[in-house]
Protein backbone atom coordinates (compact mmCIF):
# COMPACT_ATOMS: atom_id res chain seq x y z
CA MET A 1 -12.58 6.65 41.37
CA THR A 2 -12.95 5.26 37.87
CA THR A 3 -11.28 1.91 37.22
CA TYR A 4 -9.17 0.85 34.31
CA GLN A 5 -11.92 -1.45 32.98
CA GLU A 6 -14.42 1.43 33.04
CA TYR A 7 -12.04 3.59 31.03
CA GLN A 8 -11.52 0.73 28.55
CA ALA A 9 -15.30 0.34 28.18
CA LYS A 10 -15.67 4.08 27.54
CA ILE A 11 -12.84 3.97 25.00
CA ALA A 12 -14.49 1.04 23.17
CA GLU A 13 -17.83 2.87 23.15
CA LEU A 14 -16.22 6.05 21.78
CA GLN A 15 -14.35 4.06 19.11
CA ASN A 16 -17.64 2.51 17.99
CA LEU A 17 -19.28 5.94 17.86
CA ALA A 18 -16.33 7.32 15.88
CA ALA A 19 -16.48 4.42 13.41
CA ASP A 20 -20.22 4.97 12.89
CA ALA A 21 -19.69 8.71 12.40
CA ARG A 22 -16.94 8.04 9.85
CA LYS A 23 -19.16 5.66 7.88
CA ALA A 24 -21.93 8.26 7.79
CA GLU A 25 -19.54 11.03 6.70
CA LEU A 26 -18.01 8.83 4.00
CA GLN A 27 -21.44 7.98 2.63
CA LYS A 28 -22.38 11.65 2.60
CA ALA A 29 -19.13 12.52 0.76
CA LYS A 30 -19.71 9.75 -1.80
CA ASP A 31 -23.23 10.98 -2.41
CA GLN A 32 -21.94 14.52 -2.96
CA ILE A 33 -19.28 13.28 -5.38
CA TRP A 34 -21.76 11.24 -7.40
CA SER A 35 -24.16 14.18 -7.47
CA ILE A 36 -21.48 16.48 -8.87
CA MET A 37 -20.33 13.84 -11.38
CA ARG A 38 -23.90 13.39 -12.66
CA GLU A 39 -24.46 17.15 -12.78
CA TYR A 40 -21.35 17.76 -14.92
CA ASP A 41 -21.54 14.43 -16.78
CA LEU A 42 -18.13 13.29 -15.49
CA SER A 43 -16.69 9.78 -15.40
CA PRO A 44 -13.82 8.47 -13.27
CA ALA A 45 -11.60 8.68 -16.37
CA ASP A 46 -12.28 12.43 -16.53
CA LEU A 47 -10.68 12.86 -13.11
CA GLY A 48 -7.21 12.04 -14.41
CA PRO A 49 -4.72 9.20 -14.32
CA ALA A 50 -4.62 8.88 -10.53
CA ALA A 51 -8.33 8.11 -10.44
CA LYS A 52 -8.18 5.32 -13.01
CA SER A 53 -4.78 3.78 -12.33
CA ASN A 54 -4.79 0.91 -9.88
CA LYS A 55 -1.75 -0.79 -11.37
CA PRO A 56 0.97 -1.65 -8.89
CA VAL A 57 4.18 0.29 -9.39
CA LYS A 58 7.10 -1.93 -10.28
CA PRO A 59 10.07 -1.49 -7.98
CA ARG A 60 13.24 -0.34 -9.66
CA ALA A 61 15.91 -2.91 -10.30
CA ARG A 62 19.05 -2.57 -8.22
CA VAL A 63 22.06 -1.25 -10.06
CA PRO A 64 24.92 -3.76 -9.99
CA MET A 65 28.18 -2.72 -8.37
CA LYS A 66 30.86 -1.91 -10.91
CA TYR A 67 33.93 -0.90 -8.88
CA GLN A 68 35.45 -2.24 -5.66
CA ASP A 69 38.22 -1.02 -3.39
CA PRO A 70 40.46 -4.05 -2.66
CA VAL A 71 41.66 -2.55 0.64
CA SER A 72 38.37 -1.68 2.33
CA GLY A 73 35.98 -3.77 0.22
CA SER A 74 33.83 -0.69 -0.47
CA GLN A 75 31.90 -0.81 -3.70
CA TRP A 76 30.53 1.79 -6.12
CA THR A 77 28.02 1.47 -8.95
CA GLY A 78 29.71 4.06 -11.14
CA ARG A 79 26.76 6.42 -10.76
CA GLY A 80 26.78 9.65 -8.86
CA ARG A 81 29.78 11.20 -7.17
CA ALA A 82 32.92 9.07 -7.12
CA PRO A 83 34.02 7.88 -3.67
CA LYS A 84 37.15 9.24 -1.96
CA TRP A 85 39.03 5.96 -2.32
CA LEU A 86 38.84 6.38 -6.11
CA GLU A 87 40.09 9.99 -6.27
CA GLY A 88 43.13 10.46 -8.49
CA LYS A 89 43.17 6.80 -9.52
CA ASN A 90 42.28 4.98 -12.73
CA LYS A 91 38.75 3.59 -12.40
CA GLU A 92 39.53 0.74 -14.75
CA ASP A 93 41.94 -0.73 -12.18
CA PHE A 94 39.05 -1.19 -9.73
CA LEU A 95 36.51 -2.87 -12.06
CA ILE A 96 34.76 -5.88 -10.60
CA LYS A 97 35.28 -8.84 -12.88
């Protein structure tokens, strides 16, 4: 019967083989890409904005809450569908000051 340690050793060996195979495949893919780029006289800029843009995307600023229900404490930004607690009421009465 095979022991746990033997299985772990086999797993580690297979992971090393998989990593080596991935490196070889990546190098082959890069060589193919460079070959095609040289053949058609392409640059990374020719591939489009995704290929040349490494700028981090700025997260959107949170929208401040504009209205608050004094009973439940629920808040609403004023964007999107109005909440049920505001139905049929004057929004101006619930403005957060």
